[in-house]
C-alpha atoms as a PDB file:
ATOM      1  CA  MET A   1       9.751  -4.232  10.189  1.00  0.00           C
ATOM      2  CA  GLY A   2      11.383  -3.930   6.944  1.00  0.00           C
ATOM      3  CA  GLY A   3      10.670  -2.891   2.922  1.00  0.00           C
ATOM      4  CA  ILE A   4      12.498  -3.296  -0.405  1.00  0.00           C
ATOM      5  CA  ALA A   5      15.574  -1.396  -1.125  1.00  0.00           C
ATOM      6  CA  LEU A   6      16.020  -0.345  -5.115  1.00  0.00           C
ATOM      7  CA  ASP A   7      19.625   0.087  -4.708  1.00  0.00           C
ATOM      8  CA  PRO A   8      22.555  -0.532  -1.717  1.00  0.00           C
ATOM      9  CA  GLY A   9      22.030   2.109   0.775  1.00  0.00           C
ATOM     10  CA  GLN A  10      21.254   2.869   4.530  1.00  0.00           C
ATOM     11  CA  VAL A  11      18.315   2.460   6.443  1.00  0.00           C
ATOM     12  CA  LYS A  12      17.115   4.370   9.564  1.00  0.00           C
ATOM     13  CA  VAL A  13      14.365   3.327  12.070  1.00  0.00           C
ATOM     14  CA  LEU A  14      12.001   6.576  13.661  1.00  0.00           C
ATOM     15  CA  SER A  15      10.412   6.560  16.618  1.00  0.00           C
ATOM     16  CA  ASN A  16       8.301   9.891  16.962  1.00  0.00           C
ATOM     17  CA  GLN A  17      10.821  11.409  14.535  1.00  0.00           C
ATOM     18  CA  ALA A  18      14.115   9.976  16.909  1.00  0.00           C
ATOM     19  CA  GLU A  19      16.343   7.736  15.039  1.00  0.00           C
ATOM     20  CA  ILE A  20      16.724   4.597  17.160  1.00  0.00           C
ATOM     21  CA  THR A  21      18.746   2.465  14.647  1.00  0.00           C
ATOM     22  CA  ARG A  22      20.442   2.425  11.344  1.00  0.00           C
ATOM     23  CA  GLN A  23      22.375  -0.110   9.499  1.00  0.00           C
ATOM     24  CA  ASP A  24      23.494  -0.546   5.563  1.00  0.00           C
ATOM     25  CA  VAL A  25      21.533  -2.688   3.337  1.00  0.00           C
ATOM     26  CA  LYS A  26      21.792  -4.249  -0.192  1.00  0.00           C
ATOM     27  CA  ALA A  27      19.775  -4.136  -2.934  1.00  0.00           C
ATOM     28  CA  GLY A  28      16.382  -6.012  -2.445  1.00  0.00           C
ATOM     29  CA  PRO A  29      14.337  -7.127   0.665  1.00  0.00           C
ATOM     30  CA  PHE A  30      15.206  -6.197   4.331  1.00  0.00           C
ATOM     31  CA  THR A  31      14.737  -6.467   7.688  1.00  0.00           C
ATOM     32  CA  VAL A  32      15.529  -4.047  10.600  1.00  0.00           C
ATOM     33  CA  ASP A  33      15.513  -4.717  14.531  1.00  0.00           C
ATOM     34  CA  GLY A  34      12.776  -2.079  15.917  1.00  0.00           C
ATOM     35  CA  ARG A  35      13.073  -2.795  19.661  1.00  0.00           C
ATOM     36  CA  ASN A  36      14.125   0.179  20.431  1.00  0.00           C
ATOM     37  CA  VAL A  37      10.823   1.971  19.906  1.00  0.00           C
ATOM     38  CA  ALA A  38       9.861   4.387  22.691  1.00  0.00           C
ATOM     39  CA  LEU A  39       7.307   2.916  25.203  1.00  0.00           C
ATOM     40  CA  GLY A  40       3.453   4.154  24.918  1.00  0.00           C
ATOM     41  CA  ALA A  41       2.228   5.229  21.640  1.00  0.00           C
ATOM     42  CA  SER A  42       4.450   6.038  19.181  1.00  0.00           C
ATOM     43  CA  GLN A  43       4.873   6.625  15.234  1.00  0.00           C
ATOM     44  CA  THR A  44       7.470   4.785  13.516  1.00  0.00           C
ATOM     45  CA  ALA A  45       9.278   4.989  10.111  1.00  0.00           C
ATOM     46  CA  VAL A  46      11.402   3.004   8.252  1.00  0.00           C
ATOM     47  CA  VAL A  47      13.653   5.075   5.619  1.00  0.00           C
ATOM     48  CA  VAL A  48      15.872   3.840   3.326  1.00  0.00           C
ATOM     49  CA  ARG A  49      18.595   6.449   1.737  1.00  0.00           C
ATOM     50  CA  ASP A  50      20.333   5.701  -1.273  1.00  0.00           C
ATOM     51  CA  ALA A  51      23.947   6.424  -2.734  1.00  0.00           C
ATOM     52  CA  TYR A  52      22.691   9.654  -3.935  1.00  0.00           C
ATOM     53  CA  GLY A  53      21.154  10.823  -0.511  1.00  0.00           C
ATOM     54  CA  LEU A  54      17.865  10.449  -1.323  1.00  0.00           C
ATOM     55  CA  GLU A  55      15.622   9.569   1.511  1.00  0.00           C
ATOM     56  CA  THR A  56      12.406   7.411   1.364  1.00  0.00           C
ATOM     57  CA  ALA A  57       9.997   6.362   3.607  1.00  0.00           C
ATOM     58  CA  VAL A  58       8.979   2.855   2.774  1.00  0.00           C
ATOM     59  CA  SER A  59       7.051   1.768   5.879  1.00  0.00           C
ATOM     60  CA  THR A  60       5.151   3.652   8.618  1.00  0.00           C
ATOM     61  CA  ALA A  61       2.925   2.487  11.289  1.00  0.00           C
ATOM     62  CA  ARG A  62       1.752   3.518  14.355  1.00  0.00           C
ATOM     63  CA  LEU A  63       2.589   1.483  17.552  1.00  0.00           C
ATOM     64  CA  TYR A  64       1.700   0.839  21.260  1.00  0.00           C
ATOM     65  CA  VAL A  65       4.098  -0.766  23.285  1.00  0.00           C
ATOM     66  CA  ALA A  66       4.319  -1.636  26.973  1.00  0.00           C
ATOM     67  CA  PRO A  67       6.660  -3.485  29.125  1.00  0.00           C
ATOM     68  CA  THR A  68       3.328  -5.708  30.144  1.00  0.00           C
ATOM     69  CA  LEU A  69       2.418  -6.663  27.102  1.00  0.00           C
ATOM     70  CA  LEU A  70       2.124 -11.002  27.311  1.00  0.00           C
ATOM     71  CA  ARG A  71       3.950 -12.930  24.796  1.00  0.00           C
ATOM     72  CA  PRO A  72       2.013 -14.948  22.127  1.00  0.00           C
ATOM     73  CA  GLY A  73      -0.071 -17.647  23.007  1.00  0.00           C
ATOM     74  CA  LEU A  74      -0.370 -16.422  26.402  1.00  0.00           C
ATOM     75  CA  SER A  75      -3.697 -14.670  27.932  1.00  0.00           C
ATOM     76  CA  ALA A  76      -4.822 -12.703  31.007  1.00  0.00           C
ATOM     77  CA  TRP A  77      -7.973 -13.087  33.005  1.00  0.00           C
ATOM     78  CA  GLU A  78      -8.877 -11.109  35.859  1.00  0.00           C
ATOM     79  CA  ILE A  79     -11.911 -11.951  37.955  1.00  0.00           C
ATOM     80  CA  ALA A  80     -13.591 -10.241  40.760  1.00  0.00           C
ATOM     81  CA  ALA A  81     -16.405 -11.061  43.189  1.00  0.00           C
ATOM     82  CA  GLY A  82     -17.768  -8.872  46.033  1.00  0.00           C
ATOM     83  CA  GLN A  83     -21.390  -9.027  47.701  1.00  0.00           C
ATOM     84  CA  GLY A  84     -23.513  -5.738  47.124  1.00  0.00           C
ATOM     85  CA  ARG A  85     -24.569  -3.536  49.924  1.00  0.00           C
END
């Protein structure tokens, strides 16, 4: 997740309105680690706070995180067989 900070400031990532990470950023493009997002469905937001205390949401997303999701390049198959009665 990321965005662009117009001035140096602080960025925080919110998951379901709870802060999960915070870091200082310089002016310009930035990326933040969003690995601690809550499991299941969540609403995430990346919020930039400038030197004057003004907070701006630069990115929002609805995410679904599950520990059983596959890594990129992998696939899952399930085959069931049986005999009708």
